[in-house]
């Protein structure tokens, strides 16, 4: 089995995937939707769990494994940036999902990602960035030390409906250093990704 960086595959997960593949596509779809839409830590009430166990004709242990496997794969897939086609290929070729189950999983995953991330075409894009540094000098009356502040103005635009917006951000020295460190960390990750591809 090829390795996938975003998920740890062990014997228990392989058994869970076997259980996933044993379901009908309709039952898998319903179970997946219930898991995705569950807002509480406990995915099922005792009554729901009992009915599900009876409906799927599984032992309690196998049903636990089935639910945990679906939940684990879904949560792990949400932690990485993947194209739906890449995810589907990895589910079928590496995790050995049935093609229909992989397709159902990717449809549900894509739908939820769109809700979380939104429609990229509707997002504002940075058109221009301007900045200035301001030094507020010490004042004997207020007994205040001099402080360095950076002000950024971001000119944003949406290409779809020609909406424009300006956002101004003012940062003190410590906040500016934190922003710089964060941007530097992002750039290092981007550089590493482009080297590995």
N, C-alpha and C. Protein backbone atom coordinates (compact mmCIF):
# COMPACT_ATOMS: atom_id res chain seq x y z
N UNK A 1 0.85 -1.18 0.00
CA UNK A 1 0.00 0.00 0.00
C UNK A 1 0.89 1.25 0.00
N UNK A 2 0.64 2.17 -0.94
CA UNK A 2 1.39 3.43 -0.98
C UNK A 2 1.04 4.26 0.24
N UNK A 3 1.98 5.10 0.64
CA UNK A 3 1.75 5.96 1.80
C UNK A 3 1.07 7.25 1.36
N UNK A 4 0.17 7.74 2.20
CA UNK A 4 -0.45 9.04 2.01
C UNK A 4 0.00 9.88 3.20
N UNK A 5 0.49 11.07 2.92
CA UNK A 5 1.05 11.89 4.00
C UNK A 5 0.00 12.37 4.99
N UNK A 6 -1.24 12.50 4.58
CA UNK A 6 -2.25 13.11 5.45
C UNK A 6 -2.98 12.12 6.35
N UNK A 7 -2.68 10.85 6.24
CA UNK A 7 -3.39 9.87 7.07
C UNK A 7 -2.47 8.71 7.43
N UNK A 8 -2.62 8.20 8.64
CA UNK A 8 -1.86 7.03 9.08
C UNK A 8 -2.73 5.80 8.87
N UNK A 9 -2.23 4.87 8.07
CA UNK A 9 -2.98 3.66 7.78
C UNK A 9 -2.41 2.51 8.60
N UNK A 10 -3.29 1.87 9.37
CA UNK A 10 -2.88 0.70 10.16
C UNK A 10 -3.89 -0.42 9.91
N UNK A 11 -3.68 -1.55 10.54
CA UNK A 11 -4.56 -2.71 10.33
C UNK A 11 -6.00 -2.39 10.72
N UNK A 12 -6.16 -1.64 11.80
CA UNK A 12 -7.51 -1.29 12.27
C UNK A 12 -8.24 -0.45 11.22
N UNK A 13 -7.57 0.52 10.63
CA UNK A 13 -8.20 1.35 9.61
C UNK A 13 -8.52 0.52 8.36
N UNK A 14 -7.63 -0.38 7.99
CA UNK A 14 -7.89 -1.26 6.84
C UNK A 14 -9.16 -2.08 7.09
N UNK A 15 -9.33 -2.58 8.31
CA UNK A 15 -10.55 -3.32 8.65
C UNK A 15 -11.78 -2.42 8.58
N UNK A 16 -11.61 -1.17 9.01
CA UNK A 16 -12.70 -0.21 8.92
C UNK A 16 -13.10 0.06 7.48
N UNK A 17 -12.11 0.14 6.60
CA UNK A 17 -12.39 0.38 5.17
C UNK A 17 -13.10 -0.84 4.57
N UNK A 18 -12.73 -2.02 5.00
CA UNK A 18 -13.44 -3.23 4.55
C UNK A 18 -14.92 -3.14 4.94
N UNK A 19 -15.19 -2.66 6.15
CA UNK A 19 -16.58 -2.48 6.59
C UNK A 19 -17.28 -1.41 5.76
N UNK A 20 -16.58 -0.33 5.45
CA UNK A 20 -17.15 0.72 4.60
C UNK A 20 -17.56 0.12 3.26
N UNK A 21 -16.67 -0.65 2.67
CA UNK A 21 -16.94 -1.24 1.36
C UNK A 21 -18.08 -2.26 1.39
N UNK A 22 -18.38 -2.80 2.57
CA UNK A 22 -19.46 -3.79 2.68
C UNK A 22 -20.84 -3.14 2.69
N UNK A 23 -20.89 -1.83 2.90
CA UNK A 23 -22.17 -1.12 2.93
C UNK A 23 -22.68 -0.88 1.51
N UNK A 24 -24.00 -0.72 1.39
CA UNK A 24 -24.53 -0.24 0.11
C UNK A 24 -24.16 1.23 0.00
N UNK A 25 -24.15 1.74 -1.21
CA UNK A 25 -23.79 3.14 -1.41
C UNK A 25 -24.78 4.06 -0.70
N UNK A 26 -26.06 3.70 -0.73
CA UNK A 26 -27.09 4.52 -0.07
C UNK A 26 -26.85 4.56 1.44
N UNK A 27 -26.59 3.42 2.05
CA UNK A 27 -26.35 3.39 3.50
C UNK A 27 -25.07 4.14 3.86
N UNK A 28 -24.04 3.99 3.03
CA UNK A 28 -22.80 4.73 3.28
C UNK A 28 -23.06 6.23 3.21
N UNK A 29 -23.80 6.66 2.20
CA UNK A 29 -24.12 8.08 2.03
C UNK A 29 -24.84 8.62 3.28
N UNK A 30 -25.85 7.90 3.73
CA UNK A 30 -26.62 8.34 4.90
C UNK A 30 -25.76 8.39 6.16
N UNK A 31 -24.93 7.38 6.34
CA UNK A 31 -24.05 7.33 7.51
C UNK A 31 -23.03 8.46 7.47
N UNK A 32 -22.44 8.67 6.32
CA UNK A 32 -21.45 9.74 6.15
C UNK A 32 -22.09 11.11 6.43
N UNK A 33 -23.28 11.35 5.89
CA UNK A 33 -23.96 12.63 6.12
C UNK A 33 -24.26 12.83 7.60
N UNK A 34 -24.68 11.77 8.28
CA UNK A 34 -24.96 11.88 9.71
C UNK A 34 -23.68 12.25 10.48
N UNK A 35 -22.58 11.61 10.13
CA UNK A 35 -21.30 11.88 10.81
C UNK A 35 -20.86 13.31 10.55
N UNK A 36 -20.95 13.75 9.30
CA UNK A 36 -20.52 15.11 8.93
C UNK A 36 -21.38 16.15 9.64
N UNK A 37 -22.68 15.93 9.69
CA UNK A 37 -23.60 16.92 10.24
C UNK A 37 -23.74 16.88 11.75
N UNK A 38 -23.14 15.89 12.38
CA UNK A 38 -23.23 15.78 13.84
C UNK A 38 -22.42 16.91 14.48
N UNK A 39 -23.07 17.63 15.36
CA UNK A 39 -22.42 18.78 16.01
C UNK A 39 -21.80 18.42 17.36
N UNK A 40 -22.20 17.27 17.90
CA UNK A 40 -21.68 16.91 19.22
C UNK A 40 -20.52 15.92 19.09
N UNK A 41 -19.80 15.77 20.18
CA UNK A 41 -18.67 14.84 20.22
C UNK A 41 -19.16 13.40 20.06
N UNK A 42 -20.30 13.11 20.68
CA UNK A 42 -20.94 11.80 20.51
C UNK A 42 -21.72 11.84 19.21
N UNK A 43 -21.30 11.06 18.23
CA UNK A 43 -21.92 11.12 16.91
C UNK A 43 -23.33 10.54 16.89
N UNK A 44 -23.60 9.61 17.79
CA UNK A 44 -24.91 8.95 17.85
C UNK A 44 -25.37 8.85 19.29
N UNK A 45 -26.68 8.97 19.47
CA UNK A 45 -27.25 8.66 20.78
C UNK A 45 -27.25 7.14 20.92
N UNK A 46 -27.48 6.67 22.11
CA UNK A 46 -27.53 5.21 22.33
C UNK A 46 -28.61 4.57 21.47
N UNK A 47 -29.75 5.24 21.39
CA UNK A 47 -30.88 4.72 20.60
C UNK A 47 -30.52 4.69 19.11
N UNK A 48 -29.94 5.77 18.60
CA UNK A 48 -29.53 5.81 17.19
C UNK A 48 -28.50 4.73 16.90
N UNK A 49 -27.57 4.56 17.81
CA UNK A 49 -26.52 3.57 17.63
C UNK A 49 -27.12 2.16 17.58
N UNK A 50 -28.06 1.88 18.47
CA UNK A 50 -28.70 0.56 18.50
C UNK A 50 -29.46 0.31 17.20
N UNK A 51 -30.22 1.32 16.73
CA UNK A 51 -30.98 1.17 15.48
C UNK A 51 -30.03 0.97 14.30
N UNK A 52 -28.94 1.71 14.30
CA UNK A 52 -27.96 1.58 13.22
C UNK A 52 -27.33 0.19 13.23
N UNK A 53 -26.99 -0.29 14.40
CA UNK A 53 -26.40 -1.63 14.54
C UNK A 53 -27.36 -2.69 14.00
N UNK A 54 -28.63 -2.56 14.37
CA UNK A 54 -29.64 -3.52 13.89
C UNK A 54 -29.84 -3.42 12.38
N UNK A 55 -29.86 -2.20 11.88
CA UNK A 55 -30.07 -1.98 10.44
C UNK A 55 -28.92 -2.53 9.60
N UNK A 56 -27.70 -2.31 10.07
CA UNK A 56 -26.52 -2.76 9.31
C UNK A 56 -26.13 -4.19 9.64
N UNK A 57 -26.76 -4.74 10.67
CA UNK A 57 -26.47 -6.12 11.10
C UNK A 57 -24.98 -6.32 11.38
N UNK A 58 -24.45 -5.40 12.19
CA UNK A 58 -23.04 -5.45 12.60
C UNK A 58 -22.96 -5.64 14.10
N UNK A 59 -21.84 -6.19 14.55
CA UNK A 59 -21.60 -6.25 15.99
C UNK A 59 -21.33 -4.84 16.49
N UNK A 60 -21.46 -4.64 17.77
CA UNK A 60 -21.20 -3.31 18.34
C UNK A 60 -19.76 -2.88 18.05
N UNK A 61 -18.82 -3.82 18.17
CA UNK A 61 -17.41 -3.51 17.92
C UNK A 61 -17.18 -3.11 16.47
N UNK A 62 -17.78 -3.84 15.53
CA UNK A 62 -17.61 -3.51 14.12
C UNK A 62 -18.28 -2.18 13.75
N UNK A 63 -19.43 -1.91 14.36
CA UNK A 63 -20.09 -0.63 14.10
C UNK A 63 -19.24 0.52 14.63
N UNK A 64 -18.68 0.36 15.83
CA UNK A 64 -17.77 1.39 16.37
C UNK A 64 -16.61 1.62 15.41
N UNK A 65 -16.02 0.54 14.92
CA UNK A 65 -14.89 0.64 14.00
C UNK A 65 -15.30 1.33 12.71
N UNK A 66 -16.46 1.00 12.18
CA UNK A 66 -16.96 1.61 10.96
C UNK A 66 -17.12 3.12 11.13
N UNK A 67 -17.80 3.52 12.18
CA UNK A 67 -18.05 4.94 12.45
C UNK A 67 -16.74 5.68 12.70
N UNK A 68 -15.87 5.10 13.51
CA UNK A 68 -14.58 5.74 13.80
C UNK A 68 -13.73 5.89 12.54
N UNK A 69 -13.77 4.90 11.67
CA UNK A 69 -12.97 4.95 10.44
C UNK A 69 -13.46 6.06 9.52
N UNK A 70 -14.77 6.13 9.31
CA UNK A 70 -15.33 7.19 8.46
C UNK A 70 -15.00 8.55 9.04
N UNK A 71 -15.22 8.71 10.34
CA UNK A 71 -14.97 9.99 11.01
C UNK A 71 -13.49 10.38 10.91
N UNK A 72 -12.60 9.42 11.14
CA UNK A 72 -11.16 9.68 11.09
C UNK A 72 -10.72 10.09 9.68
N UNK A 73 -11.14 9.35 8.68
CA UNK A 73 -10.75 9.67 7.30
C UNK A 73 -11.28 11.05 6.92
N UNK A 74 -12.52 11.34 7.30
CA UNK A 74 -13.10 12.65 6.97
C UNK A 74 -12.34 13.79 7.66
N UNK A 75 -12.07 13.63 8.94
CA UNK A 75 -11.35 14.68 9.67
C UNK A 75 -9.94 14.89 9.11
N UNK A 76 -9.26 13.81 8.78
CA UNK A 76 -7.90 13.92 8.24
C UNK A 76 -7.93 14.58 6.87
N UNK A 77 -8.91 14.25 6.04
CA UNK A 77 -9.02 14.86 4.71
C UNK A 77 -9.27 16.36 4.81
N UNK A 78 -9.92 16.80 5.89
CA UNK A 78 -10.19 18.22 6.08
C UNK A 78 -8.96 19.01 6.50
N UNK A 79 -7.90 18.33 6.90
CA UNK A 79 -6.70 19.00 7.39
C UNK A 79 -5.71 19.34 6.28
N UNK A 80 -5.98 18.88 5.07
CA UNK A 80 -5.03 19.10 3.97
C UNK A 80 -5.75 19.74 2.79
N UNK A 81 -4.96 20.31 1.91
CA UNK A 81 -5.50 20.89 0.69
C UNK A 81 -5.32 19.86 -0.42
N UNK A 82 -6.43 19.36 -0.91
CA UNK A 82 -6.41 18.35 -1.96
C UNK A 82 -7.41 18.72 -3.03
N UNK A 83 -7.10 18.36 -4.26
CA UNK A 83 -8.10 18.45 -5.32
C UNK A 83 -9.03 17.25 -5.14
N UNK A 84 -10.31 17.43 -5.42
CA UNK A 84 -11.23 16.29 -5.28
C UNK A 84 -10.79 15.07 -6.08
N UNK A 85 -10.25 15.28 -7.27
CA UNK A 85 -9.81 14.14 -8.09
C UNK A 85 -8.64 13.41 -7.44
N UNK A 86 -7.75 14.16 -6.81
CA UNK A 86 -6.61 13.55 -6.12
C UNK A 86 -7.10 12.76 -4.91
N UNK A 87 -8.03 13.35 -4.15
CA UNK A 87 -8.58 12.65 -2.99
C UNK A 87 -9.26 11.35 -3.42
N UNK A 88 -10.06 11.42 -4.48
CA UNK A 88 -10.76 10.22 -4.94
C UNK A 88 -9.77 9.14 -5.38
N UNK A 89 -8.73 9.55 -6.07
CA UNK A 89 -7.71 8.59 -6.51
C UNK A 89 -7.03 7.95 -5.31
N UNK A 90 -6.69 8.75 -4.30
CA UNK A 90 -6.03 8.22 -3.11
C UNK A 90 -6.95 7.28 -2.33
N UNK A 91 -8.23 7.62 -2.28
CA UNK A 91 -9.18 6.76 -1.58
C UNK A 91 -9.29 5.40 -2.27
N UNK A 92 -9.34 5.39 -3.59
CA UNK A 92 -9.51 4.12 -4.30
C UNK A 92 -8.21 3.34 -4.42
N UNK A 93 -7.13 4.02 -4.81
CA UNK A 93 -5.89 3.31 -5.10
C UNK A 93 -5.07 2.98 -3.85
N UNK A 94 -5.06 3.87 -2.89
CA UNK A 94 -4.21 3.65 -1.72
C UNK A 94 -4.99 3.09 -0.53
N UNK A 95 -6.18 3.62 -0.29
CA UNK A 95 -6.96 3.14 0.84
C UNK A 95 -7.91 2.00 0.46
N UNK A 96 -7.98 1.69 -0.81
CA UNK A 96 -8.81 0.58 -1.32
C UNK A 96 -10.31 0.76 -1.09
N UNK A 97 -10.79 1.99 -1.19
CA UNK A 97 -12.23 2.24 -1.18
C UNK A 97 -12.82 1.70 -2.47
N UNK A 98 -14.07 1.21 -2.43
CA UNK A 98 -14.80 0.93 -3.66
C UNK A 98 -14.97 2.26 -4.39
N UNK A 99 -15.02 2.22 -5.71
CA UNK A 99 -15.13 3.45 -6.50
C UNK A 99 -16.37 4.26 -6.12
N UNK A 100 -17.51 3.58 -5.92
CA UNK A 100 -18.75 4.28 -5.57
C UNK A 100 -18.65 4.96 -4.21
N UNK A 101 -18.02 4.29 -3.26
CA UNK A 101 -17.88 4.86 -1.91
C UNK A 101 -16.93 6.06 -1.95
N UNK A 102 -15.87 5.93 -2.73
CA UNK A 102 -14.92 7.05 -2.87
C UNK A 102 -15.61 8.25 -3.49
N UNK A 103 -16.43 8.00 -4.50
CA UNK A 103 -17.15 9.10 -5.16
C UNK A 103 -18.12 9.77 -4.19
N UNK A 104 -18.86 8.98 -3.41
CA UNK A 104 -19.78 9.53 -2.41
C UNK A 104 -19.02 10.36 -1.37
N UNK A 105 -17.89 9.83 -0.92
CA UNK A 105 -17.07 10.52 0.08
C UNK A 105 -16.61 11.87 -0.46
N UNK A 106 -16.10 11.87 -1.69
CA UNK A 106 -15.57 13.11 -2.28
C UNK A 106 -16.69 14.12 -2.51
N UNK A 107 -17.87 13.67 -2.93
CA UNK A 107 -19.00 14.60 -3.10
C UNK A 107 -19.34 15.28 -1.78
N UNK A 108 -19.46 14.48 -0.73
CA UNK A 108 -19.80 15.03 0.59
C UNK A 108 -18.70 15.96 1.09
N UNK A 109 -17.45 15.53 0.94
CA UNK A 109 -16.30 16.32 1.38
C UNK A 109 -16.25 17.64 0.63
N UNK A 110 -16.42 17.60 -0.69
CA UNK A 110 -16.38 18.82 -1.51
C UNK A 110 -17.48 19.79 -1.12
N UNK A 111 -18.67 19.27 -0.88
CA UNK A 111 -19.79 20.10 -0.49
C UNK A 111 -19.51 20.82 0.83
N UNK A 112 -18.96 20.10 1.79
CA UNK A 112 -18.64 20.70 3.09
C UNK A 112 -17.50 21.71 2.99
N UNK A 113 -16.51 21.40 2.16
CA UNK A 113 -15.39 22.33 1.98
C UNK A 113 -15.88 23.64 1.39
N UNK A 114 -16.81 23.56 0.42
CA UNK A 114 -17.35 24.78 -0.17
C UNK A 114 -18.07 25.62 0.87
N UNK A 115 -18.78 24.96 1.79
CA UNK A 115 -19.46 25.70 2.86
C UNK A 115 -18.45 26.38 3.77
N UNK A 116 -17.37 25.67 4.09
CA UNK A 116 -16.36 26.21 5.01
C UNK A 116 -15.51 27.29 4.37
N UNK A 117 -15.08 27.04 3.15
CA UNK A 117 -14.13 27.93 2.49
C UNK A 117 -14.85 29.00 1.70
N UNK A 118 -16.01 28.71 1.19
CA UNK A 118 -16.74 29.66 0.37
C UNK A 118 -16.35 29.52 -1.09
N UNK A 119 -16.99 30.30 -1.88
CA UNK A 119 -16.76 30.26 -3.32
C UNK A 119 -15.57 31.17 -3.64
N UNK A 120 -14.52 30.58 -4.18
CA UNK A 120 -13.30 31.35 -4.43
C UNK A 120 -13.52 32.50 -5.40
N UNK A 121 -14.45 32.34 -6.34
CA UNK A 121 -14.69 33.42 -7.30
C UNK A 121 -15.27 34.65 -6.62
N UNK A 122 -15.98 34.45 -5.51
CA UNK A 122 -16.61 35.56 -4.80
C UNK A 122 -15.66 36.23 -3.81
N UNK A 123 -14.50 35.69 -3.64
CA UNK A 123 -13.57 36.25 -2.66
C UNK A 123 -12.89 37.50 -3.21
N UNK A 124 -12.53 38.34 -2.28
CA UNK A 124 -11.80 39.56 -2.63
C UNK A 124 -10.34 39.20 -2.87
N UNK A 125 -9.76 39.84 -3.87
CA UNK A 125 -8.35 39.62 -4.19
C UNK A 125 -7.58 40.92 -3.96
N UNK A 126 -6.35 40.78 -3.54
CA UNK A 126 -5.51 41.94 -3.27
C UNK A 126 -5.06 42.55 -4.58
N UNK A 127 -5.40 43.83 -4.80
CA UNK A 127 -4.98 44.55 -6.00
C UNK A 127 -3.71 45.36 -5.74
N UNK A 128 -3.66 45.94 -4.55
CA UNK A 128 -2.52 46.80 -4.25
C UNK A 128 -2.30 46.82 -2.74
N UNK A 129 -1.05 47.00 -2.36
CA UNK A 129 -0.69 47.10 -0.96
C UNK A 129 0.21 48.32 -0.79
N UNK A 130 -0.19 49.21 0.09
CA UNK A 130 0.68 50.35 0.41
C UNK A 130 0.92 50.35 1.91
N UNK A 131 2.02 50.94 2.31
CA UNK A 131 2.36 50.91 3.72
C UNK A 131 3.13 52.17 4.10
N UNK A 132 3.15 52.44 5.39
CA UNK A 132 3.96 53.54 5.93
C UNK A 132 4.32 53.21 7.37
N UNK A 133 5.46 53.75 7.79
CA UNK A 133 5.90 53.61 9.17
C UNK A 133 5.70 54.93 9.89
N UNK A 134 5.18 54.86 11.09
CA UNK A 134 4.97 56.05 11.90
C UNK A 134 5.69 55.88 13.23
N UNK A 135 6.35 56.92 13.64
CA UNK A 135 7.02 56.91 14.93
C UNK A 135 6.36 57.96 15.81
N UNK A 136 5.69 57.50 16.85
CA UNK A 136 5.10 58.41 17.81
C UNK A 136 6.16 58.69 18.86
N UNK A 137 6.57 59.93 18.95
CA UNK A 137 7.67 60.27 19.85
C UNK A 137 7.18 60.43 21.29
N UNK A 138 8.15 60.40 22.18
CA UNK A 138 7.86 60.50 23.61
C UNK A 138 7.29 61.87 23.92
N UNK A 139 6.49 61.91 24.96
CA UNK A 139 5.84 63.12 25.35
C UNK A 139 5.95 63.26 26.87
N UNK A 140 6.51 64.38 27.33
CA UNK A 140 6.69 64.56 28.78
C UNK A 140 5.36 64.72 29.51
N UNK A 141 4.40 65.30 28.85
CA UNK A 141 3.11 65.54 29.50
C UNK A 141 2.40 64.21 29.77
N UNK A 142 2.39 63.33 28.79
CA UNK A 142 1.70 62.03 28.95
C UNK A 142 2.62 60.97 29.54
N UNK A 143 3.90 61.31 29.69
CA UNK A 143 4.88 60.35 30.20
C UNK A 143 4.84 59.05 29.39
N UNK A 144 4.95 59.22 28.08
CA UNK A 144 4.78 58.11 27.16
C UNK A 144 6.07 57.90 26.39
N UNK A 145 6.43 56.61 26.19
CA UNK A 145 7.61 56.29 25.39
C UNK A 145 7.27 56.40 23.91
N UNK A 146 8.30 56.53 23.09
CA UNK A 146 8.05 56.55 21.65
C UNK A 146 7.71 55.14 21.17
N UNK A 147 6.78 55.07 20.24
CA UNK A 147 6.36 53.78 19.70
C UNK A 147 6.38 53.80 18.18
N UNK A 148 6.75 52.67 17.64
CA UNK A 148 6.81 52.50 16.19
C UNK A 148 5.54 51.78 15.75
N UNK A 149 4.90 52.31 14.72
CA UNK A 149 3.70 51.67 14.19
C UNK A 149 3.81 51.59 12.68
N UNK A 150 3.31 50.49 12.15
CA UNK A 150 3.25 50.32 10.70
C UNK A 150 1.78 50.32 10.30
N UNK A 151 1.49 51.01 9.23
CA UNK A 151 0.12 51.05 8.72
C UNK A 151 0.12 50.48 7.31
N UNK A 152 -0.75 49.50 7.09
CA UNK A 152 -0.90 48.89 5.77
C UNK A 152 -2.27 49.24 5.24
N UNK A 153 -2.32 49.54 3.95
CA UNK A 153 -3.62 49.70 3.30
C UNK A 153 -3.71 48.66 2.19
N UNK A 154 -4.72 47.83 2.26
CA UNK A 154 -4.93 46.79 1.27
C UNK A 154 -6.09 47.20 0.38
N UNK A 155 -5.83 47.30 -0.91
CA UNK A 155 -6.88 47.59 -1.88
C UNK A 155 -7.38 46.26 -2.42
N UNK A 156 -8.63 45.95 -2.13
CA UNK A 156 -9.21 44.66 -2.50
C UNK A 156 -10.25 44.85 -3.59
N UNK A 157 -10.37 43.84 -4.45
CA UNK A 157 -11.36 43.89 -5.52
C UNK A 157 -11.91 42.50 -5.78
N UNK A 158 -13.15 42.48 -6.21
CA UNK A 158 -13.80 41.24 -6.61
C UNK A 158 -14.06 41.34 -8.10
N UNK A 159 -13.44 40.46 -8.87
CA UNK A 159 -13.53 40.51 -10.33
C UNK A 159 -14.94 40.19 -10.83
N UNK A 160 -15.70 39.42 -10.09
CA UNK A 160 -17.02 38.99 -10.56
C UNK A 160 -18.00 40.15 -10.61
N UNK A 161 -18.13 40.90 -9.51
CA UNK A 161 -19.12 41.97 -9.49
C UNK A 161 -18.50 43.36 -9.35
N UNK A 162 -17.22 43.48 -9.61
CA UNK A 162 -16.49 44.75 -9.61
C UNK A 162 -16.58 45.50 -8.28
N UNK A 163 -16.76 44.78 -7.19
CA UNK A 163 -16.81 45.37 -5.86
C UNK A 163 -15.39 45.68 -5.40
N UNK A 164 -15.19 46.86 -4.83
CA UNK A 164 -13.86 47.24 -4.34
C UNK A 164 -13.97 47.63 -2.87
N UNK A 165 -12.86 47.43 -2.15
CA UNK A 165 -12.85 47.75 -0.73
C UNK A 165 -11.42 48.09 -0.32
N UNK A 166 -11.29 48.93 0.68
CA UNK A 166 -9.98 49.26 1.24
C UNK A 166 -9.99 48.85 2.71
N UNK A 167 -8.91 48.18 3.11
CA UNK A 167 -8.77 47.75 4.50
C UNK A 167 -7.48 48.34 5.03
N UNK A 168 -7.56 48.99 6.18
CA UNK A 168 -6.37 49.57 6.80
C UNK A 168 -6.07 48.80 8.08
N UNK A 169 -4.80 48.43 8.22
CA UNK A 169 -4.35 47.68 9.39
C UNK A 169 -3.20 48.46 10.01
N UNK A 170 -3.27 48.67 11.32
CA UNK A 170 -2.18 49.35 12.02
C UNK A 170 -1.59 48.38 13.04
N UNK A 171 -0.28 48.18 12.97
CA UNK A 171 0.41 47.23 13.84
C UNK A 171 1.53 47.92 14.60
N UNK A 172 1.67 47.53 15.87
CA UNK A 172 2.81 47.99 16.64
C UNK A 172 3.99 47.07 16.35
N UNK A 173 5.15 47.41 16.86
CA UNK A 173 6.38 46.69 16.51
C UNK A 173 6.28 45.19 16.78
N UNK A 174 5.77 44.80 17.94
CA UNK A 174 5.68 43.38 18.28
C UNK A 174 4.73 42.64 17.33
N UNK A 175 3.61 43.27 17.01
CA UNK A 175 2.65 42.67 16.08
C UNK A 175 3.24 42.55 14.68
N UNK A 176 4.01 43.56 14.30
CA UNK A 176 4.66 43.55 12.99
C UNK A 176 5.69 42.42 12.90
N UNK A 177 6.45 42.22 13.97
CA UNK A 177 7.42 41.11 13.99
C UNK A 177 6.71 39.76 13.90
N UNK A 178 5.58 39.64 14.58
CA UNK A 178 4.80 38.39 14.51
C UNK A 178 4.29 38.16 13.08
N UNK A 179 3.79 39.21 12.45
CA UNK A 179 3.33 39.10 11.06
C UNK A 179 4.47 38.68 10.15
N UNK A 180 5.62 39.29 10.32
CA UNK A 180 6.78 38.95 9.50
C UNK A 180 7.17 37.48 9.69
N UNK A 181 7.21 37.02 10.93
CA UNK A 181 7.56 35.62 11.21
C UNK A 181 6.56 34.66 10.58
N UNK A 182 5.29 35.01 10.66
CA UNK A 182 4.25 34.17 10.07
C UNK A 182 4.39 34.11 8.55
N UNK A 183 4.59 35.27 7.92
CA UNK A 183 4.76 35.30 6.46
C UNK A 183 6.02 34.54 6.03
N UNK A 184 7.07 34.65 6.82
CA UNK A 184 8.30 33.92 6.51
C UNK A 184 8.07 32.41 6.61
N UNK A 185 7.33 31.96 7.62
CA UNK A 185 7.02 30.54 7.77
C UNK A 185 6.18 30.04 6.59
N UNK A 186 5.22 30.85 6.16
CA UNK A 186 4.40 30.48 5.00
C UNK A 186 5.27 30.37 3.76
N UNK A 187 6.17 31.33 3.57
CA UNK A 187 7.04 31.30 2.39
C UNK A 187 7.94 30.07 2.38
N UNK A 188 8.45 29.69 3.53
CA UNK A 188 9.29 28.49 3.63
C UNK A 188 8.49 27.26 3.23
N UNK A 189 7.23 27.17 3.71
CA UNK A 189 6.39 26.03 3.35
C UNK A 189 6.10 26.02 1.86
N UNK A 190 5.83 27.18 1.29
CA UNK A 190 5.59 27.26 -0.16
C UNK A 190 6.83 26.84 -0.94
N UNK A 191 7.98 27.30 -0.50
CA UNK A 191 9.24 26.92 -1.16
C UNK A 191 9.46 25.42 -1.09
N UNK A 192 9.21 24.83 0.08
CA UNK A 192 9.37 23.38 0.24
C UNK A 192 8.40 22.61 -0.63
N UNK A 193 7.18 23.12 -0.77
CA UNK A 193 6.18 22.45 -1.61
C UNK A 193 6.59 22.50 -3.07
N UNK A 194 7.12 23.63 -3.52
CA UNK A 194 7.51 23.75 -4.93
C UNK A 194 8.75 22.91 -5.23
N UNK A 195 9.63 22.72 -4.25
CA UNK A 195 10.81 21.88 -4.44
C UNK A 195 10.41 20.42 -4.53
N UNK A 196 9.44 20.00 -3.69
CA UNK A 196 9.04 18.59 -3.68
C UNK A 196 8.18 18.22 -4.88
N UNK A 197 7.60 19.19 -5.57
CA UNK A 197 6.77 18.88 -6.75
C UNK A 197 7.55 18.90 -7.98
